[in-house]
Amino acid sequence: MSHDDAKIYDQGYRPFEGELASPRSRFLTIAANELRQAWKSKWFRRIAWASFGPLIVFAVLVVVTSRFAALGGQMMEDVWIPFWGIQMFFSMLMVFFIGCGAVGEDLRTGALVVYFSRPVSFMQYLVGKWLAVSVGVLWVTLLPGAVLAVFRWLAEPDATLVDFLLWLCALVTVSLLLALCMGWVVLAVSALSGRARAAGIVWVILFFVSLGGAEGLSNATGIYELNAVGFGQASEQLAGILFCRDGSPAEVFWLVVGQLGWAVVGLTVVLFRLRRWVRV
């Protein structure tokens, strides 16, 4: 045998000696894979870090209004409203990169055959996809919001521990509802569109229609409950009520129902689109 010929080394069978993950946690692997794919995009990484940028502006605003209040002026009560509007926009962009190809690309490429040829249940697949999108939403809403709540508690002279806890409870509530709603809606859009680019266009249009359309219906008819028709508008209105503690229980009820309704519709669409795999 000449020196240029390939050599074959018999390594033998080597058993895996590492720690096996629990079958119940395989949805985490699916979620991590979606986030890993999104992280490869430089624009996704830029958006993920840029979403903390508004904190600087709002921190300065809190300091200025606190000093103004100390001089006898009126303290600004609705700093959470513009904050939530900006962070919702960032959440829409995060969802764009994570969720728009999550289900549709699996259907188009036949990846579901690979998924379910392994010990992955249908429920683990769905939960893993939804969790990936939810992590993106919570990253740009819950984390910056918690930092702002701590800063307000420390910077504002009249802020108490009770205020801080109420802000935190409101933040967790609106963030989880937004993640629940956005997660299933974008997965439904992805499942129906097939390709990530088409799903992305539909998702962006749907997000802005859910804001402007619901607000327009409410203003035109004078019926406040119509704000719940759009998931974006419902989240924005609910944030204003919970953070500022200014609203009726009926208003809160309809806004929550609106977001839950969108989540149920999204989940139903996904289940219908993947109906042949439900029993796998």
Protein backbone atom coordinates (compact mmCIF):
# COMPACT_ATOMS: atom_id res chain seq x y z
CA MET A 1 0.00 0.00 0.00
CA SER A 2 1.43 3.36 -1.03
CA HIS A 3 1.71 6.33 1.28
CA ASP A 4 -1.08 8.11 -0.63
CA ASP A 5 -3.67 5.43 0.14
CA ALA A 6 -6.17 6.15 2.87
CA LYS A 7 -5.71 4.39 6.17
CA ILE A 8 -8.59 2.81 8.00
CA TYR A 9 -8.46 2.84 11.78
CA ASP A 10 -10.60 0.38 13.67
CA GLN A 11 -11.79 2.37 16.66
CA GLY A 12 -14.25 -0.26 17.81
CA TYR A 13 -17.56 0.37 19.60
CA ARG A 14 -17.46 3.03 22.28
CA PRO A 15 -20.57 3.34 24.44
CA PHE A 16 -21.86 6.78 25.41
CA GLU A 17 -20.62 7.57 28.89
CA GLY A 18 -22.29 10.95 29.39
CA GLU A 19 -25.48 11.78 31.23
CA LEU A 20 -28.70 11.09 29.34
CA ALA A 21 -31.36 13.80 29.39
CA SER A 22 -34.83 12.95 30.62
CA PRO A 23 -37.37 12.20 27.84
CA ARG A 24 -39.68 14.76 29.46
CA SER A 25 -37.20 17.58 28.80
CA ARG A 26 -36.83 17.05 25.06
CA PHE A 27 -39.08 20.02 24.36
CA LEU A 28 -36.22 22.13 25.74
CA THR A 29 -33.94 20.75 23.03
CA ILE A 30 -36.47 21.76 20.37
CA ALA A 31 -36.77 25.25 21.86
CA ALA A 32 -33.00 25.62 22.14
CA ASN A 33 -32.58 24.61 18.50
CA GLU A 34 -35.03 27.29 17.33
CA LEU A 35 -33.24 29.94 19.38
CA ARG A 36 -29.88 28.72 18.10
CA GLN A 37 -31.03 29.07 14.50
CA ALA A 38 -32.34 32.59 15.15
CA TRP A 39 -29.13 33.60 16.91
CA LYS A 40 -27.18 32.95 13.71
CA SER A 41 -28.75 36.09 12.22
CA LYS A 42 -26.78 39.21 13.04
CA TRP A 43 -29.98 41.25 12.92
CA PHE A 44 -31.57 39.05 15.55
CA ARG A 45 -28.56 39.56 17.82
CA ARG A 46 -28.66 43.30 17.27
CA ILE A 47 -32.36 43.48 18.10
CA ALA A 48 -31.88 41.33 21.20
CA TRP A 49 -29.33 43.78 22.64
CA ALA A 50 -30.93 46.95 21.23
CA SER A 51 -34.15 46.12 23.09
CA PHE A 52 -32.41 47.23 26.30
CA GLY A 53 -31.51 50.60 24.79
CA PRO A 54 -34.80 52.35 25.69
CA LEU A 55 -33.99 51.69 29.34
CA ILE A 56 -31.44 54.50 29.18
CA VAL A 57 -34.05 56.97 27.95
CA PHE A 58 -36.63 55.91 30.52
CA ALA A 59 -34.05 55.94 33.32
CA VAL A 60 -33.23 59.56 32.48
CA LEU A 61 -36.95 60.33 32.30
CA VAL A 62 -37.53 58.82 35.75
CA VAL A 63 -34.69 60.86 37.26
CA VAL A 64 -35.89 64.10 35.66
CA THR A 65 -39.53 63.63 36.71
CA SER A 66 -38.42 62.62 40.20
CA ARG A 67 -36.46 65.84 40.59
CA PHE A 68 -39.39 67.79 39.17
CA ALA A 69 -41.74 66.15 41.68
CA ALA A 70 -39.34 67.00 44.52
CA LEU A 71 -39.65 70.66 43.52
CA GLY A 72 -43.42 70.52 43.80
CA GLY A 73 -44.35 69.34 40.33
CA GLN A 74 -46.60 66.42 39.45
CA MET A 75 -44.95 63.01 39.12
CA MET A 76 -45.34 61.26 35.79
CA GLU A 77 -47.57 58.22 36.38
CA ASP A 78 -47.73 56.61 32.94
CA VAL A 79 -44.06 55.98 32.14
CA TRP A 80 -44.97 52.32 31.69
CA ILE A 81 -47.30 53.03 28.77
CA PRO A 82 -44.69 54.33 26.28
CA PHE A 83 -42.21 51.77 27.62
CA TRP A 84 -44.58 48.90 26.88
CA GLY A 85 -45.38 50.23 23.42
CA ILE A 86 -41.70 50.30 22.48
CA GLN A 87 -40.95 46.87 23.95
CA MET A 88 -43.95 45.38 22.14
CA PHE A 89 -42.41 46.53 18.87
CA PHE A 90 -39.16 44.79 19.79
CA SER A 91 -41.11 41.65 20.71
CA MET A 92 -42.71 41.65 17.26
CA LEU A 93 -39.23 41.70 15.69
CA MET A 94 -37.97 38.91 17.95
CA VAL A 95 -40.98 36.78 17.06
CA PHE A 96 -40.34 37.51 13.37
CA PHE A 97 -36.92 35.85 13.53
CA ILE A 98 -37.83 32.97 15.83
CA GLY A 99 -41.32 31.90 14.86
CA CYS A 100 -41.99 32.69 11.22
CA GLY A 101 -40.27 29.55 9.97
CA ALA A 102 -40.78 27.38 13.02
CA VAL A 103 -43.61 25.17 11.72
CA GLY A 104 -43.92 26.04 8.03
CA GLU A 105 -40.33 25.14 7.19
CA ASP A 106 -40.71 21.80 8.98
CA LEU A 107 -43.76 21.05 6.86
CA ARG A 108 -42.12 22.18 3.63
CA THR A 109 -38.87 20.27 4.12
CA GLY A 110 -40.37 17.15 5.68
CA ALA A 111 -38.52 17.68 8.95
CA LEU A 112 -41.52 16.41 10.92
CA VAL A 113 -40.70 12.90 9.75
CA VAL A 114 -37.29 13.25 11.40
CA TYR A 115 -38.76 14.76 14.55
CA PHE A 116 -41.30 12.01 15.11
CA SER A 117 -39.02 9.17 14.06
CA ARG A 118 -37.24 9.92 17.34
CA PRO A 119 -38.72 9.68 20.83
CA VAL A 120 -40.35 13.11 20.61
CA SER A 121 -44.08 13.37 21.22
CA PHE A 122 -46.39 15.72 19.38
CA MET A 123 -46.97 17.71 22.56
CA GLN A 124 -43.22 18.09 23.16
CA TYR A 125 -42.84 19.39 19.61
CA LEU A 126 -45.59 22.00 20.05
CA VAL A 127 -44.44 23.13 23.48
CA GLY A 128 -40.83 23.39 22.32
CA LYS A 129 -41.75 25.60 19.36
CA TRP A 130 -43.99 27.83 21.49
CA LEU A 131 -41.39 28.09 24.26
CA ALA A 132 -38.74 29.35 21.85
CA VAL A 133 -41.00 32.20 20.71
CA SER A 134 -42.02 32.97 24.29
CA VAL A 135 -38.39 33.25 25.42
CA GLY A 136 -37.86 35.88 22.73
CA VAL A 137 -40.90 37.86 23.89
CA LEU A 138 -39.97 37.67 27.57
CA TRP A 139 -36.39 38.70 26.81
CA VAL A 140 -37.50 42.09 25.47
CA THR A 141 -40.43 42.69 27.83
CA LEU A 142 -39.94 41.02 31.20
CA LEU A 143 -36.18 41.54 31.65
CA PRO A 144 -36.00 45.25 30.67
CA GLY A 145 -39.23 45.87 32.56
CA ALA A 146 -37.84 44.32 35.74
CA VAL A 147 -34.75 46.55 35.48
CA LEU A 148 -36.95 49.63 35.03
CA ALA A 149 -39.11 48.65 38.00
CA VAL A 150 -36.05 48.33 40.24
CA PHE A 151 -34.68 51.66 39.00
CA ARG A 152 -38.00 53.44 39.62
CA TRP A 153 -38.21 51.98 43.11
CA LEU A 154 -34.74 53.27 43.95
CA ALA A 155 -34.92 56.62 42.13
CA GLU A 156 -38.41 57.85 42.88
CA PRO A 157 -38.74 59.33 46.39
CA ASP A 158 -42.39 58.29 46.82
CA ALA A 159 -42.03 54.75 45.46
CA THR A 160 -42.56 52.04 48.06
CA LEU A 161 -41.97 48.31 48.18
CA VAL A 162 -45.68 47.80 47.54
CA ASP A 163 -45.44 49.90 44.38
CA PHE A 164 -42.47 47.85 43.21
CA LEU A 165 -44.29 44.56 43.81
CA LEU A 166 -47.40 45.81 42.01
CA TRP A 167 -45.31 46.91 39.02
CA LEU A 168 -43.62 43.53 38.98
CA CYS A 169 -46.92 41.63 39.14
CA ALA A 170 -48.34 43.74 36.32
CA LEU A 171 -45.20 43.21 34.27
CA VAL A 172 -45.28 39.42 34.69
CA THR A 173 -48.98 39.30 33.81
CA VAL A 174 -48.82 41.35 30.61
CA SER A 175 -45.55 39.71 29.51
CA LEU A 176 -46.84 36.15 29.93
CA LEU A 177 -50.12 36.96 28.19
CA LEU A 178 -48.26 38.58 25.30
CA ALA A 179 -45.92 35.58 25.02
CA LEU A 180 -48.84 33.16 25.08
CA CYS A 181 -50.74 35.08 22.43
CA MET A 182 -47.87 35.97 20.10
CA GLY A 183 -46.40 32.48 20.33
CA TRP A 184 -49.46 30.61 19.07
CA VAL A 185 -50.46 33.29 16.55
CA VAL A 186 -47.08 33.29 14.81
CA LEU A 187 -46.93 29.49 14.81
CA ALA A 188 -50.34 29.46 13.13
CA VAL A 189 -49.16 32.00 10.55
CA SER A 190 -46.04 29.91 9.94
CA ALA A 191 -48.06 26.70 9.55
CA LEU A 192 -50.41 28.31 7.01
CA SER A 193 -47.79 30.23 5.02
CA GLY A 194 -45.28 27.43 4.52
CA ARG A 195 -42.25 29.62 3.85
CA ALA A 196 -40.59 31.82 6.44
CA ARG A 197 -40.48 34.91 4.22
CA ALA A 198 -44.20 34.81 3.44
CA ALA A 199 -45.01 34.15 7.10
CA GLY A 200 -42.85 37.10 8.12
CA ILE A 201 -44.74 39.49 5.86
CA VAL A 202 -48.11 38.25 7.11
CA TRP A 203 -46.93 38.46 10.74
CA VAL A 204 -45.78 42.09 10.47
CA ILE A 205 -49.02 43.13 8.73
CA LEU A 206 -51.12 41.27 11.31
CA PHE A 207 -49.28 42.90 14.21
CA PHE A 208 -49.86 46.45 13.01
CA VAL A 209 -53.46 45.72 11.98
CA SER A 210 -54.09 44.32 15.46
CA LEU A 211 -52.93 47.66 16.89
CA GLY A 212 -54.48 50.21 14.56
CA GLY A 213 -57.54 48.22 13.52
CA ALA A 214 -58.78 47.49 17.02
CA GLU A 215 -58.15 51.05 18.16
CA GLY A 216 -60.01 52.40 15.15
CA LEU A 217 -63.01 50.15 15.80
CA SER A 218 -63.11 51.18 19.45
CA ASN A 219 -62.87 54.90 18.68
CA ALA A 220 -65.41 54.74 15.86
CA THR A 221 -68.05 52.88 17.86
CA GLY A 222 -67.26 54.17 21.35
CA ILE A 223 -67.16 50.57 22.60
CA TYR A 224 -64.05 50.11 24.72
CA GLU A 225 -64.27 46.31 24.65
CA LEU A 226 -63.44 46.31 20.91
CA ASN A 227 -59.83 47.03 21.89
CA ALA A 228 -59.69 43.31 22.69
CA VAL A 229 -60.20 42.45 19.00
CA GLY A 230 -56.50 43.06 18.30
CA PHE A 231 -53.95 41.25 20.43
CA GLY A 232 -51.49 44.13 20.20
CA GLN A 233 -54.03 46.74 21.21
CA ALA A 234 -55.38 44.49 23.97
CA SER A 235 -51.90 44.07 25.43
CA GLU A 236 -51.19 47.79 25.28
CA GLN A 237 -54.48 48.72 26.93
CA LEU A 238 -54.09 46.04 29.60
CA ALA A 239 -50.58 47.28 30.41
CA GLY A 240 -51.89 50.81 30.89
CA ILE A 241 -54.61 49.62 33.27
CA LEU A 242 -52.45 47.32 35.37
CA PHE A 243 -49.42 49.60 35.63
CA CYS A 244 -51.39 52.75 36.36
CA ARG A 245 -54.09 50.93 38.36
CA ASP A 246 -56.79 52.87 36.51
CA GLY A 247 -59.51 50.71 35.00
CA SER A 248 -62.52 48.57 35.77
CA PRO A 249 -62.51 44.79 36.27
CA ALA A 250 -64.78 44.45 33.24
CA GLU A 251 -62.22 46.18 31.02
CA VAL A 252 -59.45 43.94 32.33
CA PHE A 253 -61.63 40.87 31.76
CA TRP A 254 -62.33 41.61 28.10
CA LEU A 255 -58.72 42.52 27.34
CA VAL A 256 -57.50 39.26 28.87
CA VAL A 257 -60.20 37.27 27.06
CA GLY A 258 -59.19 38.91 23.79
CA GLN A 259 -55.58 37.78 24.09
CA LEU A 260 -56.55 34.30 25.27
CA GLY A 261 -58.95 34.07 22.34
CA TRP A 262 -56.15 34.85 19.88
CA ALA A 263 -53.99 32.19 21.53
CA VAL A 264 -56.77 29.59 21.27
CA VAL A 265 -57.38 30.43 17.61
CA GLY A 266 -53.65 30.16 16.86
CA LEU A 267 -53.37 26.82 18.65
CA THR A 268 -56.44 25.51 16.83
CA VAL A 269 -54.97 26.44 13.44
CA VAL A 270 -51.68 24.72 14.29
CA LEU A 271 -53.46 21.57 15.43
CA PHE A 272 -55.56 21.52 12.26
CA ARG A 273 -52.53 22.04 10.03
CA LEU A 274 -50.61 19.26 11.79
CA ARG A 275 -53.61 16.97 12.27
CA ARG A 276 -51.97 14.00 10.53
CA TRP A 277 -49.19 14.05 13.14
CA VAL A 278 -51.34 14.44 16.24
CA ARG A 279 -51.24 10.75 17.18
CA VAL A 280 -47.55 10.28 16.43
